[in-house]
């Protein structure tokens, strides 16, 4: 965790989909941080919002609300939170005015009433003005983060080459240097911060274009970025093919000529050719045989070490996530209900849904399997939020659970009991 500064910061992210006049909260106000070099696991049952979270982070979907910061730059900015704040401010002002009218029913011409009304309107207008400004900033960041990143990269090229061009006296060398400078600056201007984030998709068949060769599929990112030299493209393609365990001869073939595991390797090669800093791996092994799953996980581990990758690993298999991830977040119905380190989650599972997921993990031990009891999660039975609603709370250092005060105290006692029993 470099300087304890998040590399990817997800802040109150919301993704709602329209269903006629209603909305489906696929991702509902979630927050988490990922630090450089770590693998962050996101687990939960099918339909809980894991994939939608990944797709929103990489901007395949426009976020409804919340923000995503990557390496200090806001790359995703939704405006629903600000609109809700404006709506709430207007409602509160209306309620305050109604209360004042009732209170000063027979004395509405008094200075006290006028002053109270003025304060109510002033408070409302301040909140509205602040959130309108935040909406403008959000829209600006969302639209211009890529362009501004390109300008910053071009500035770095200027700082590198301009002093050298001024110092160079040989005309031939200066012309050659100038040509190289123009070429690099042009590529830098076309560079995008989103190039530093790539995604490995769940279905290795549907995510590859059947009409394109493997070389064309992998090289597409380089071509879009502006690289036209075929020798450079071929060299890069063959290099990443070797890194993912394929050979040069595979470059001229089509996706249908490969097995599922080989197709996923092609998908990984396409993701790493632009040398990204962050990989979003959306259930990359769920469609593969068990023996191939281990190979793909080991490949991702090797690439993580070689390239210094940070990985958001989305899966529903907790046993795989435990092996591969440094920290794990458990997601249910669009909410993160628990997150902590991998070891801590398996040692002290607190939320009933986490316990339900862990109880579903099969082990190759017939005696254990005979005695294993499945825990069924029922929100209506397991929680009582009639008096107080849940919020994310830190039960012990680094272990967060979505709970209310009563559950918070119970979880702390539960951890103490487990630790005492182990001693």
Protein backbone atom coordinates (compact mmCIF):
# COMPACT_ATOMS: atom_id res chain seq x y z
CA UNK A 1 0.00 0.00 0.00
CA UNK A 2 2.26 2.72 -1.41
CA UNK A 3 2.19 5.82 0.85
CA UNK A 4 -1.19 4.53 2.08
CA UNK A 5 -2.74 6.35 -0.91
CA UNK A 6 -5.52 4.59 -2.85
CA UNK A 7 -4.68 3.82 -6.48
CA UNK A 8 -8.38 3.38 -7.31
CA UNK A 9 -10.96 5.08 -5.09
CA UNK A 10 -14.65 4.27 -5.55
CA UNK A 11 -16.79 6.80 -3.70
CA UNK A 12 -20.57 6.37 -3.22
CA UNK A 13 -20.94 4.76 -6.66
CA UNK A 14 -24.48 4.26 -7.98
CA UNK A 15 -25.65 2.57 -11.16
CA UNK A 16 -29.42 2.50 -11.72
CA UNK A 17 -31.12 1.04 -14.78
CA UNK A 18 -34.53 2.17 -15.95
CA UNK A 19 -37.36 -0.38 -15.89
CA UNK A 20 -40.26 1.55 -17.37
CA UNK A 21 -41.19 4.18 -14.80
CA UNK A 22 -39.17 2.44 -12.08
CA UNK A 23 -35.42 2.08 -11.53
CA UNK A 24 -33.33 -0.98 -10.70
CA UNK A 25 -30.48 -0.12 -8.27
CA UNK A 26 -27.87 -2.55 -9.68
CA UNK A 27 -25.12 -0.78 -7.70
CA UNK A 28 -26.41 1.21 -4.76
CA UNK A 29 -24.03 3.64 -3.02
CA UNK A 30 -20.85 1.55 -2.60
CA UNK A 31 -17.38 2.75 -1.60
CA UNK A 32 -13.99 1.00 -1.47
CA UNK A 33 -10.29 1.66 -2.12
CA UNK A 34 -7.75 -0.41 -4.03
CA UNK A 35 -4.04 0.15 -3.40
CA UNK A 36 -1.28 -0.13 -5.97
CA UNK A 37 -0.03 -3.68 -6.48
CA UNK A 38 -2.83 -5.46 -4.59
CA UNK A 39 -5.53 -7.84 -5.77
CA UNK A 40 -8.95 -6.76 -4.54
CA UNK A 41 -11.61 -9.49 -4.70
CA UNK A 42 -15.27 -8.62 -5.25
CA UNK A 43 -17.55 -11.59 -4.55
CA UNK A 44 -21.27 -12.31 -4.40
CA UNK A 45 -24.03 -14.29 -6.04
CA UNK A 46 -25.08 -13.81 -9.66
CA UNK A 47 -26.99 -10.57 -10.18
CA UNK A 48 -25.64 -8.78 -7.09
CA UNK A 49 -23.95 -6.02 -9.15
CA UNK A 50 -20.30 -7.18 -9.34
CA UNK A 51 -19.96 -6.99 -13.13
CA UNK A 52 -21.93 -3.74 -13.28
CA UNK A 53 -19.45 -2.24 -10.78
CA UNK A 54 -16.51 -3.23 -12.99
CA UNK A 55 -18.16 -1.98 -16.17
CA UNK A 56 -19.06 1.34 -14.52
CA UNK A 57 -15.49 1.84 -13.29
CA UNK A 58 -14.12 1.32 -16.81
CA UNK A 59 -16.89 3.58 -18.22
CA UNK A 60 -18.72 1.00 -20.30
CA UNK A 61 -21.72 2.36 -18.38
CA UNK A 62 -22.22 6.00 -17.37
CA UNK A 63 -22.51 6.15 -13.59
CA UNK A 64 -25.81 7.35 -12.14
CA UNK A 65 -24.10 8.81 -9.08
CA UNK A 66 -20.83 8.86 -7.17
CA UNK A 67 -17.23 9.15 -8.32
CA UNK A 68 -14.26 6.97 -9.23
CA UNK A 69 -10.72 8.33 -8.81
CA UNK A 70 -7.84 6.61 -10.59
CA UNK A 71 -4.30 7.61 -9.61
CA UNK A 72 -5.67 10.90 -8.23
CA UNK A 73 -7.78 11.78 -11.30
CA UNK A 74 -11.58 11.58 -11.31
CA UNK A 75 -12.46 9.35 -14.27
CA UNK A 76 -16.11 8.65 -13.43
CA UNK A 77 -18.53 11.25 -12.11
CA UNK A 78 -22.27 10.72 -11.66
CA UNK A 79 -24.59 13.59 -10.74
CA UNK A 80 -27.48 11.80 -9.00
CA UNK A 81 -26.06 12.44 -5.50
CA UNK A 82 -25.95 16.20 -6.15
CA UNK A 83 -29.46 16.23 -7.64
CA UNK A 84 -30.74 14.31 -4.61
CA UNK A 85 -29.10 16.87 -2.29
CA UNK A 86 -30.84 19.73 -4.16
CA UNK A 87 -34.17 17.91 -3.99
CA UNK A 88 -33.72 17.25 -0.27
CA UNK A 89 -32.77 20.90 0.40
CA UNK A 90 -35.96 22.10 -1.35
CA UNK A 91 -38.10 19.60 0.60
CA UNK A 92 -36.52 20.62 3.93
CA UNK A 93 -37.04 24.30 3.13
CA UNK A 94 -40.69 23.63 2.25
CA UNK A 95 -41.18 21.73 5.52
CA UNK A 96 -39.48 24.50 7.52
CA UNK A 97 -41.70 27.17 5.92
CA UNK A 98 -44.83 25.14 6.67
CA UNK A 99 -43.68 24.78 10.29
CA UNK A 100 -43.00 28.53 10.54
CA UNK A 101 -46.42 29.37 9.08
CA UNK A 102 -48.07 27.22 11.74
CA UNK A 103 -45.90 28.68 14.49
CA UNK A 104 -46.47 32.31 13.45
CA UNK A 105 -50.07 31.83 12.35
CA UNK A 106 -51.26 35.04 13.95
CA UNK A 107 -48.01 36.99 13.73
CA UNK A 108 -46.62 36.64 10.18
CA UNK A 109 -45.74 40.32 9.90
CA UNK A 110 -43.23 40.16 12.73
CA UNK A 111 -39.49 40.62 12.18
CA UNK A 112 -38.77 37.26 13.83
CA UNK A 113 -40.91 35.43 11.24
CA UNK A 114 -39.32 37.34 8.32
CA UNK A 115 -35.84 36.57 9.67
CA UNK A 116 -36.60 32.83 10.09
CA UNK A 117 -38.02 32.65 6.54
CA UNK A 118 -34.94 34.45 5.19
CA UNK A 119 -32.60 32.00 6.98
CA UNK A 120 -34.54 29.00 5.56
CA UNK A 121 -34.31 30.32 2.00
CA UNK A 122 -30.66 31.27 2.44
CA UNK A 123 -29.76 27.77 3.65
CA UNK A 124 -31.64 26.22 0.70
CA UNK A 125 -29.99 28.54 -1.84
CA UNK A 126 -26.49 27.84 -0.47
CA UNK A 127 -27.00 24.08 -0.78
CA UNK A 128 -28.42 24.45 -4.29
CA UNK A 129 -25.57 26.74 -5.41
CA UNK A 130 -22.95 24.36 -3.99
CA UNK A 131 -24.44 21.28 -5.67
CA UNK A 132 -25.01 23.05 -9.01
CA UNK A 133 -21.29 23.91 -8.98
CA UNK A 134 -20.43 20.29 -8.11
CA UNK A 135 -22.57 19.07 -11.05
CA UNK A 136 -20.59 21.35 -13.40
CA UNK A 137 -17.30 20.00 -12.01
CA UNK A 138 -18.51 16.39 -12.31
CA UNK A 139 -19.56 16.85 -15.94
CA UNK A 140 -16.27 18.58 -16.75
CA UNK A 141 -14.16 15.83 -15.14
CA UNK A 142 -16.15 13.06 -16.81
CA UNK A 143 -15.87 14.60 -20.28
CA UNK A 144 -12.32 15.96 -20.16
CA UNK A 145 -10.26 13.56 -18.00
CA UNK A 146 -8.92 11.73 -21.08
CA UNK A 147 -8.11 14.90 -23.04
CA UNK A 148 -6.38 16.52 -20.07
CA UNK A 149 -4.36 13.36 -19.45
CA UNK A 150 -3.17 13.46 -23.10
CA UNK A 151 -2.06 17.07 -22.65
CA UNK A 152 -0.12 16.16 -19.48
CA UNK A 153 1.65 13.33 -21.31
CA UNK A 154 2.46 15.68 -24.23
CA UNK A 155 3.92 18.15 -21.71
CA UNK A 156 6.21 15.40 -20.37
CA UNK A 157 7.43 14.76 -23.93
CA UNK A 158 8.07 18.52 -24.34
CA UNK A 159 10.11 18.59 -21.13
CA UNK A 160 12.14 15.62 -22.34
CA UNK A 161 12.90 16.74 -25.92
CA UNK A 162 12.88 20.58 -26.03
CA UNK A 163 16.08 21.03 -23.98
CA UNK A 164 17.79 18.39 -26.14
CA UNK A 165 16.68 20.14 -29.35
CA UNK A 166 17.98 23.48 -28.10
CA UNK A 167 21.34 21.99 -27.11
CA UNK A 168 21.84 19.99 -30.35
CA UNK A 169 24.03 21.81 -32.90
CA UNK A 170 24.37 19.08 -35.54
CA UNK A 171 21.59 19.69 -38.10
CA UNK A 172 21.30 16.01 -39.10
CA UNK A 173 21.01 14.81 -35.52
CA UNK A 174 18.66 17.68 -34.71
CA UNK A 175 16.34 16.77 -37.63
CA UNK A 176 16.29 13.14 -36.50
CA UNK A 177 15.59 14.17 -32.90
CA UNK A 178 12.83 16.55 -34.02
CA UNK A 179 11.17 13.78 -36.02
CA UNK A 180 11.23 11.48 -33.00
CA UNK A 181 9.87 14.31 -30.80
CA UNK A 182 6.92 14.98 -33.12
CA UNK A 183 6.11 11.28 -33.32
CA UNK A 184 6.14 10.78 -29.53
CA UNK A 185 4.21 14.00 -28.90
CA UNK A 186 1.50 12.97 -31.35
CA UNK A 187 1.12 9.61 -29.59
CA UNK A 188 1.12 11.32 -26.18
CA UNK A 189 -1.72 13.66 -27.21
CA UNK A 190 -3.76 10.63 -28.30
CA UNK A 191 -3.05 8.80 -25.05
CA UNK A 192 -5.97 8.38 -22.65
CA UNK A 193 -6.01 7.72 -18.93
CA UNK A 194 -8.54 4.93 -19.58
CA UNK A 195 -5.81 3.09 -21.54
CA UNK A 196 -4.24 2.42 -18.15
CA UNK A 197 -7.31 0.38 -17.14
CA UNK A 198 -8.19 -2.75 -19.11
CA UNK A 199 -10.81 -5.46 -18.66
CA UNK A 200 -10.81 -9.23 -19.02
CA UNK A 201 -14.34 -10.36 -19.79
CA UNK A 202 -16.19 -13.35 -18.39
CA UNK A 203 -17.12 -15.08 -21.65
CA UNK A 204 -14.02 -15.78 -23.78
CA UNK A 205 -16.22 -16.64 -26.79
CA UNK A 206 -18.57 -13.63 -26.87
CA UNK A 207 -15.82 -11.11 -26.07
CA UNK A 208 -13.74 -11.95 -29.19
CA UNK A 209 -14.79 -10.87 -32.70
CA UNK A 210 -15.14 -14.10 -34.76
CA UNK A 211 -14.29 -12.24 -38.01
CA UNK A 212 -10.92 -10.97 -36.77
CA UNK A 213 -7.65 -12.88 -36.49
CA UNK A 214 -5.91 -13.13 -33.14
CA UNK A 215 -3.30 -10.59 -34.27
CA UNK A 216 -5.99 -8.06 -35.26
CA UNK A 217 -7.87 -8.58 -31.97
CA UNK A 218 -4.78 -8.04 -29.82
CA UNK A 219 -3.35 -5.18 -31.92
CA UNK A 220 -6.60 -3.19 -32.05
CA UNK A 221 -5.72 -1.17 -28.95
CA UNK A 222 -2.34 -0.17 -30.39
CA UNK A 223 -3.92 0.91 -33.68
CA UNK A 224 -6.60 2.99 -31.93
CA UNK A 225 -3.86 4.63 -29.88
CA UNK A 226 -2.20 5.75 -33.11
CA UNK A 227 0.64 3.27 -33.66
CA UNK A 228 0.91 2.52 -37.39
CA UNK A 229 4.30 0.81 -37.75
CA UNK A 230 3.50 -2.83 -38.60
CA UNK A 231 6.87 -4.06 -37.36
CA UNK A 232 6.28 -2.47 -33.94
CA UNK A 233 2.74 -3.87 -33.82
CA UNK A 234 3.84 -7.40 -34.77
CA UNK A 235 6.68 -7.31 -32.23
CA UNK A 236 4.29 -6.27 -29.44
CA UNK A 237 1.67 -8.86 -30.42
CA UNK A 238 4.21 -11.72 -30.48
CA UNK A 239 5.64 -10.54 -27.16
CA UNK A 240 2.27 -10.63 -25.33
CA UNK A 241 1.33 -13.95 -26.98
CA UNK A 242 4.50 -15.43 -25.48
CA UNK A 243 3.69 -13.86 -22.09
CA UNK A 244 0.27 -15.56 -21.96
CA UNK A 245 1.56 -18.97 -23.09
CA UNK A 246 0.70 -18.89 -26.81
CA UNK A 247 3.01 -18.95 -29.87
CA UNK A 248 3.48 -16.76 -32.96
CA UNK A 249 1.66 -19.25 -35.21
CA UNK A 250 -1.55 -18.56 -33.28
CA UNK A 251 -1.58 -14.93 -34.47
CA UNK A 252 -3.04 -15.75 -37.90
CA UNK A 253 -5.84 -18.00 -36.59
CA UNK A 254 -9.43 -17.11 -35.71
CA UNK A 255 -11.07 -17.42 -32.23
CA UNK A 256 -13.17 -20.48 -33.17
CA UNK A 257 -9.96 -22.48 -33.69
CA UNK A 258 -9.05 -22.31 -30.00
CA UNK A 259 -10.21 -23.96 -26.79
CA UNK A 260 -11.90 -21.99 -24.00
CA UNK A 261 -8.69 -21.61 -22.00
CA UNK A 262 -6.75 -20.44 -25.08
CA UNK A 263 -9.47 -17.90 -25.90
CA UNK A 264 -9.21 -16.49 -22.39
CA UNK A 265 -5.45 -16.20 -22.86
CA UNK A 266 -6.13 -14.18 -26.01
CA UNK A 267 -8.44 -11.93 -23.98
CA UNK A 268 -5.69 -11.46 -21.38
CA UNK A 269 -3.16 -10.68 -24.15
CA UNK A 270 -5.53 -8.03 -25.55
CA UNK A 271 -5.82 -6.50 -22.05
CA UNK A 272 -2.08 -6.31 -21.31
CA UNK A 273 -0.73 -5.13 -24.70
CA UNK A 274 -1.21 -1.47 -23.72
CA UNK A 275 0.75 -2.16 -20.51
CA UNK A 276 -2.08 -1.08 -18.15
CA UNK A 277 -1.70 -0.36 -14.44
CA UNK A 278 -5.10 -1.78 -13.45
CA UNK A 279 -6.86 -4.91 -14.71
CA UNK A 280 -10.55 -5.52 -14.04
CA UNK A 281 -10.92 -9.31 -14.26
CA UNK A 282 -14.65 -10.05 -14.57
CA UNK A 283 -15.02 -13.70 -13.55
CA UNK A 284 -12.22 -14.72 -15.96
CA UNK A 285 -12.31 -18.38 -14.92
CA UNK A 286 -16.01 -19.12 -14.37
CA UNK A 287 -16.55 -20.40 -17.94
CA UNK A 288 -13.47 -22.69 -17.86
CA UNK A 289 -12.75 -26.25 -16.73
CA UNK A 290 -11.33 -26.65 -13.21
CA UNK A 291 -7.86 -27.67 -14.44
CA UNK A 292 -7.71 -24.66 -16.77
CA UNK A 293 -8.91 -22.33 -14.00
CA UNK A 294 -5.72 -22.95 -12.03
CA UNK A 295 -3.59 -22.20 -15.10
CA UNK A 296 -5.33 -18.87 -15.72
CA UNK A 297 -5.04 -17.86 -12.04
CA UNK A 298 -1.32 -18.72 -12.06
CA UNK A 299 -0.91 -16.75 -15.30
CA UNK A 300 -2.55 -13.69 -13.74
CA UNK A 301 -0.29 -14.08 -10.70
CA UNK A 302 2.81 -14.18 -12.92
CA UNK A 303 1.67 -11.12 -14.91
CA UNK A 304 0.97 -9.30 -11.66
CA UNK A 305 4.59 -9.84 -10.57
CA UNK A 306 6.16 -9.11 -13.99
CA UNK A 307 4.12 -6.00 -14.84
CA UNK A 308 3.32 -4.67 -11.37
CA UNK A 309 -0.41 -4.94 -12.04
CA UNK A 310 -3.19 -3.94 -9.68
CA UNK A 311 -6.21 -6.23 -10.11
CA UNK A 312 -9.91 -5.95 -9.32
CA UNK A 313 -10.86 -9.63 -9.33
CA UNK A 314 -14.60 -10.27 -9.67
CA UNK A 315 -15.82 -13.78 -8.85
CA UNK A 316 -18.47 -15.79 -7.02
CA UNK A 317 -16.14 -18.59 -5.87
CA UNK A 318 -14.78 -17.59 -2.45
CA UNK A 319 -12.21 -20.37 -2.36
CA UNK A 320 -10.55 -19.03 -5.53
CA UNK A 321 -10.73 -15.44 -4.30
CA UNK A 322 -9.09 -16.44 -0.99
CA UNK A 323 -6.10 -17.88 -2.85
CA UNK A 324 -5.71 -14.93 -5.22
CA UNK A 325 -6.82 -11.79 -3.32
CA UNK A 326 -5.24 -9.60 -0.66
CA UNK A 327 -8.57 -8.08 0.42
CA UNK A 328 -12.15 -9.18 -0.27
CA UNK A 329 -15.43 -7.26 -0.47
CA UNK A 330 -18.70 -9.21 -0.25
CA UNK A 331 -21.55 -7.77 -2.30
CA UNK A 332 -25.28 -8.42 -1.94
CA UNK A 333 -28.16 -6.77 -3.81
CA UNK A 334 -26.09 -3.80 -4.99
CA UNK A 335 -24.48 -3.15 -1.59
CA UNK A 336 -21.11 -4.10 -0.11
CA UNK A 337 -22.03 -5.83 3.15
CA UNK A 338 -18.54 -6.74 4.40
CA UNK A 339 -14.93 -6.21 3.41
CA UNK A 340 -11.58 -6.93 4.99
CA UNK A 341 -8.38 -8.89 4.32
CA UNK A 342 -8.67 -12.38 2.89
CA UNK A 343 -7.39 -14.11 6.05
CA UNK A 344 -9.59 -12.02 8.35
CA UNK A 345 -12.74 -12.72 6.32
CA UNK A 346 -12.28 -16.48 6.58
CA UNK A 347 -11.25 -16.26 10.24
CA UNK A 348 -14.06 -13.91 11.38
CA UNK A 349 -16.98 -13.94 8.92
CA UNK A 350 -19.55 -11.63 10.55
CA UNK A 351 -22.36 -10.70 8.17
CA UNK A 352 -24.97 -13.50 7.79
CA UNK A 353 -24.64 -13.34 3.98
CA UNK A 354 -20.86 -13.90 4.20
CA UNK A 355 -21.46 -16.90 6.45
CA UNK A 356 -23.98 -18.22 3.93
CA UNK A 357 -21.44 -17.95 1.08
CA UNK A 358 -18.70 -19.66 3.12
CA UNK A 359 -21.04 -22.50 4.09
CA UNK A 360 -21.60 -23.22 0.39
CA UNK A 361 -17.91 -23.93 -0.34
CA UNK A 362 -17.51 -27.68 -0.97
CA UNK A 363 -14.37 -29.51 0.18
CA UNK A 364 -12.97 -32.80 -1.23
CA UNK A 365 -13.51 -34.56 2.11
CA UNK A 366 -16.53 -36.92 2.31
CA UNK A 367 -16.58 -36.84 6.13
CA UNK A 368 -16.64 -33.06 6.20
CA UNK A 369 -19.23 -32.91 3.41
CA UNK A 370 -21.50 -35.32 5.29
CA UNK A 371 -21.54 -33.01 8.32
CA UNK A 372 -21.43 -29.68 6.44
CA UNK A 373 -24.49 -27.53 7.13
CA UNK A 374 -25.65 -24.94 4.63
CA UNK A 375 -26.57 -21.57 6.11
CA UNK A 376 -29.43 -19.86 4.30
CA UNK A 377 -29.45 -16.07 4.30
CA UNK A 378 -32.83 -14.42 4.84
CA UNK A 379 -32.59 -10.60 5.28
CA UNK A 380 -36.03 -10.33 6.92
CA UNK A 381 -35.15 -12.98 9.49
CA UNK A 382 -31.48 -12.07 10.08
CA UNK A 383 -31.87 -8.29 10.47
CA UNK A 384 -34.17 -5.91 12.33
CA UNK A 385 -33.82 -2.44 10.82
CA UNK A 386 -37.18 -1.07 11.99
CA UNK A 387 -35.57 1.13 14.67
CA UNK A 388 -32.19 1.91 13.07
CA UNK A 389 -30.90 1.39 9.54
CA UNK A 390 -27.50 -0.09 8.67
CA UNK A 391 -24.33 1.80 7.71
CA UNK A 392 -20.79 0.61 7.00
CA UNK A 393 -18.93 0.32 10.33
CA UNK A 394 -15.39 -0.74 11.25
CA UNK A 395 -15.89 -3.60 13.72
CA UNK A 396 -12.15 -4.12 14.26
CA UNK A 397 -9.22 -2.49 12.51
CA UNK A 398 -9.62 -2.97 8.74
CA UNK A 399 -12.78 -5.10 9.03
CA UNK A 400 -15.91 -3.28 7.84
CA UNK A 401 -19.49 -4.60 8.05
CA UNK A 402 -22.79 -3.11 6.88
CA UNK A 403 -24.79 -3.12 10.13
CA UNK A 404 -26.64 -1.06 12.76
CA UNK A 405 -25.51 -0.33 16.36
CA UNK A 406 -27.04 -3.48 17.88
CA UNK A 407 -25.41 -5.74 15.25
CA UNK A 408 -22.13 -3.82 15.60
CA UNK A 409 -21.93 -4.63 19.33
CA UNK A 410 -22.93 -8.25 18.69
CA UNK A 411 -20.22 -8.68 16.02
CA UNK A 412 -17.55 -7.32 18.37
CA UNK A 413 -18.60 -9.82 21.05
CA UNK A 414 -18.60 -12.58 18.43
CA UNK A 415 -14.99 -11.82 17.46
CA UNK A 416 -13.91 -11.80 21.11
CA UNK A 417 -15.61 -15.16 21.66
CA UNK A 418 -13.90 -16.72 18.60
CA UNK A 419 -10.47 -15.41 19.65
CA UNK A 420 -10.97 -16.63 23.24
CA UNK A 421 -11.97 -20.08 22.00
CA UNK A 422 -8.87 -20.33 19.79
CA UNK A 423 -6.62 -19.41 22.73
